[in-house]
Amino acid sequence: MKTKFFIPFLLLMSSILFSQNSNINKENGVANYGYDVVSYFSGKPQPGSAKNTVKYQGADYYFINPENKSRFQKEPVKYLPQYGGYCAFAMGDYGKKVQVDPKTYKITDGKLYLFYNKFLTNTLTSWNKDEHNLTIKADMNWKKLTANK
């Protein structure tokens, strides 16, 4: 199967299997697979700890230490992943909420973007080929998806 057709197939299957009603990608109430959203900005995403938890917009965010927890509490929007933590590429290309690999990310203009990276498909690669246009489309798609929430 050619990659051109394989990526949409995998993303569609992922969105069907893992679709969520929430606008925040969370599992068992924990956002971002338990990864510390502040840690991405130091260049090394790390799993946080339940000992350092902040509840924000109906989800628990874990942090590796009290300092990162405090940074998030002061400016949560600065650290939140775009599109509720769902795959930026899928949001831009298909307008779908798709699960991500929390270790596959990019920070552009101070914003955190997460990507699907499973089954030999890393959507960050596709995102990088047309980031500008995909960002515009993802922003519009996300706005439509969250308009009635």
Protein backbone atom coordinates (compact mmCIF):
# COMPACT_ATOMS: atom_id res chain seq x y z
CA MET A 1 0.00 0.00 0.00
CA LYS A 2 1.40 3.39 -0.90
CA THR A 3 2.13 5.80 1.92
CA LYS A 4 -0.19 8.37 0.32
CA PHE A 5 -3.14 6.06 0.98
CA PHE A 6 -1.80 4.32 4.07
CA ILE A 7 -1.66 7.44 6.30
CA PRO A 8 -5.34 8.35 5.80
CA PHE A 9 -6.35 4.73 6.43
CA LEU A 10 -4.42 4.56 9.72
CA LEU A 11 -5.70 7.92 10.87
CA LEU A 12 -9.28 6.98 10.07
CA MET A 13 -8.95 3.69 11.95
CA SER A 14 -7.34 5.44 14.90
CA SER A 15 -10.10 8.05 15.06
CA ILE A 16 -12.77 5.34 14.96
CA LEU A 17 -11.11 3.12 17.55
CA PHE A 18 -10.09 5.90 19.92
CA SER A 19 -12.62 8.64 19.31
CA GLN A 20 -13.47 10.69 22.33
CA ASN A 21 -16.25 13.11 23.11
CA SER A 22 -13.95 15.39 25.07
CA ASN A 23 -12.15 18.37 23.64
CA ILE A 24 -9.16 17.35 25.73
CA ASN A 25 -7.35 14.17 24.83
CA LYS A 26 -7.41 12.29 28.13
CA GLU A 27 -7.44 8.76 29.41
CA ASN A 28 -8.99 7.99 32.79
CA GLY A 29 -9.20 11.74 33.38
CA VAL A 30 -5.46 12.28 32.83
CA ALA A 31 -4.45 14.60 29.99
CA ASN A 32 -1.53 14.09 27.64
CA TYR A 33 -0.95 10.45 28.66
CA GLY A 34 0.42 11.74 31.95
CA TYR A 35 3.27 13.63 30.27
CA ASP A 36 4.29 16.94 31.81
CA VAL A 37 3.24 19.59 29.25
CA VAL A 38 5.79 22.06 30.62
CA SER A 39 8.65 19.59 30.10
CA TYR A 40 8.24 19.78 26.31
CA PHE A 41 9.47 23.35 26.39
CA SER A 42 12.77 22.28 27.92
CA GLY A 43 13.29 19.91 24.98
CA LYS A 44 12.72 16.68 26.87
CA PRO A 45 9.13 15.53 27.36
CA GLN A 46 8.81 13.44 30.51
CA PRO A 47 6.01 11.61 32.27
CA GLY A 48 4.74 13.55 35.25
CA SER A 49 3.65 12.28 38.63
CA ALA A 50 0.26 12.14 40.29
CA LYS A 51 1.99 13.81 43.25
CA ASN A 52 2.15 17.01 41.18
CA THR A 53 -1.33 17.27 39.68
CA VAL A 54 -3.34 20.23 38.47
CA LYS A 55 -6.98 19.90 37.45
CA TYR A 56 -7.66 22.13 34.46
CA GLN A 57 -10.68 22.14 32.15
CA GLY A 58 -11.90 18.82 33.52
CA ALA A 59 -8.62 16.93 33.15
CA ASP A 60 -5.71 16.14 35.44
CA TYR A 61 -2.30 17.31 34.27
CA TYR A 62 0.75 15.64 35.79
CA PHE A 63 4.09 17.38 36.31
CA ILE A 64 7.58 16.12 37.06
CA ASN A 65 8.13 18.59 39.90
CA PRO A 66 6.46 21.42 41.85
CA GLU A 67 8.28 24.03 39.71
CA ASN A 68 6.67 22.82 36.48
CA LYS A 69 3.33 22.54 38.25
CA SER A 70 3.66 26.17 39.35
CA ARG A 71 4.66 27.33 35.85
CA PHE A 72 1.55 25.69 34.43
CA GLN A 73 -0.70 27.17 37.12
CA LYS A 74 0.57 30.68 36.30
CA GLU A 75 0.12 30.36 32.50
CA PRO A 76 -1.79 27.19 31.56
CA VAL A 77 -2.66 28.29 28.02
CA LYS A 78 1.03 28.78 27.24
CA TYR A 79 1.71 25.07 27.81
CA LEU A 80 -1.44 23.34 26.58
CA PRO A 81 -1.05 21.26 23.42
CA GLN A 82 -2.91 22.60 20.43
CA TYR A 83 -6.18 20.96 19.38
CA GLY A 84 -6.81 19.51 22.82
CA GLY A 85 -3.74 17.27 22.53
CA TYR A 86 -5.04 15.42 19.47
CA CYS A 87 -2.92 14.89 16.35
CA ALA A 88 -2.23 18.23 14.68
CA PHE A 89 -1.80 16.65 11.24
CA ALA A 90 -5.12 14.78 11.42
CA MET A 91 -6.88 17.93 12.59
CA GLY A 92 -5.42 19.85 9.64
CA ASP A 93 -5.79 17.26 6.94
CA TYR A 94 -9.03 15.52 7.97
CA GLY A 95 -10.58 17.54 10.79
CA LYS A 96 -10.54 14.46 13.03
CA LYS A 97 -9.55 13.87 16.64
CA VAL A 98 -6.82 11.23 16.48
CA GLN A 99 -4.68 9.84 19.31
CA VAL A 100 -0.99 10.76 19.47
CA ASP A 101 2.35 9.48 20.61
CA PRO A 102 3.19 11.95 23.39
CA LYS A 103 6.88 11.73 22.47
CA THR A 104 6.24 12.93 18.90
CA TYR A 105 5.89 16.67 19.04
CA LYS A 106 6.92 20.02 17.66
CA ILE A 107 6.97 23.49 19.13
CA THR A 108 6.35 26.29 16.64
CA ASP A 109 5.93 29.93 17.63
CA GLY A 110 5.70 28.89 21.28
CA LYS A 111 2.87 26.41 20.64
CA LEU A 112 3.00 22.68 21.34
CA TYR A 113 1.77 20.33 18.60
CA LEU A 114 1.45 16.56 19.08
CA PHE A 115 1.38 13.84 16.41
CA TYR A 116 0.30 10.30 15.67
CA ASN A 117 3.30 7.99 15.39
CA LYS A 118 2.44 4.29 15.20
CA PHE A 119 2.43 1.43 12.71
CA LEU A 120 5.26 2.93 10.62
CA THR A 121 3.37 6.22 10.23
CA ASN A 122 4.77 9.39 11.74
CA THR A 123 2.45 12.27 10.85
CA LEU A 124 5.02 14.84 11.99
CA THR A 125 6.85 14.09 8.73
CA SER A 126 3.75 14.94 6.69
CA TRP A 127 3.06 18.00 8.86
CA ASN A 128 6.54 19.36 8.20
CA LYS A 129 5.98 19.20 4.43
CA ASP A 130 3.08 21.69 4.58
CA GLU A 131 3.02 23.08 8.11
CA HIS A 132 1.76 26.54 7.22
CA ASN A 133 -1.34 25.38 5.32
CA LEU A 134 -2.04 22.50 7.70
CA THR A 135 -1.94 24.88 10.67
CA ILE A 136 -4.49 27.16 9.03
CA LYS A 137 -6.78 24.23 8.24
CA ALA A 138 -6.31 22.67 11.68
CA ASP A 139 -7.20 25.95 13.39
CA MET A 140 -10.39 26.21 11.32
CA ASN A 141 -11.33 22.56 11.87
CA TRP A 142 -10.73 22.79 15.61
CA LYS A 143 -12.85 25.93 15.81
CA LYS A 144 -15.72 24.09 14.05
CA LEU A 145 -15.39 21.04 16.31
CA THR A 146 -15.40 23.07 19.50
CA ALA A 147 -17.91 25.77 18.51
CA ASN A 148 -20.89 24.05 20.10
CA LYS A 149 -19.13 22.85 23.26
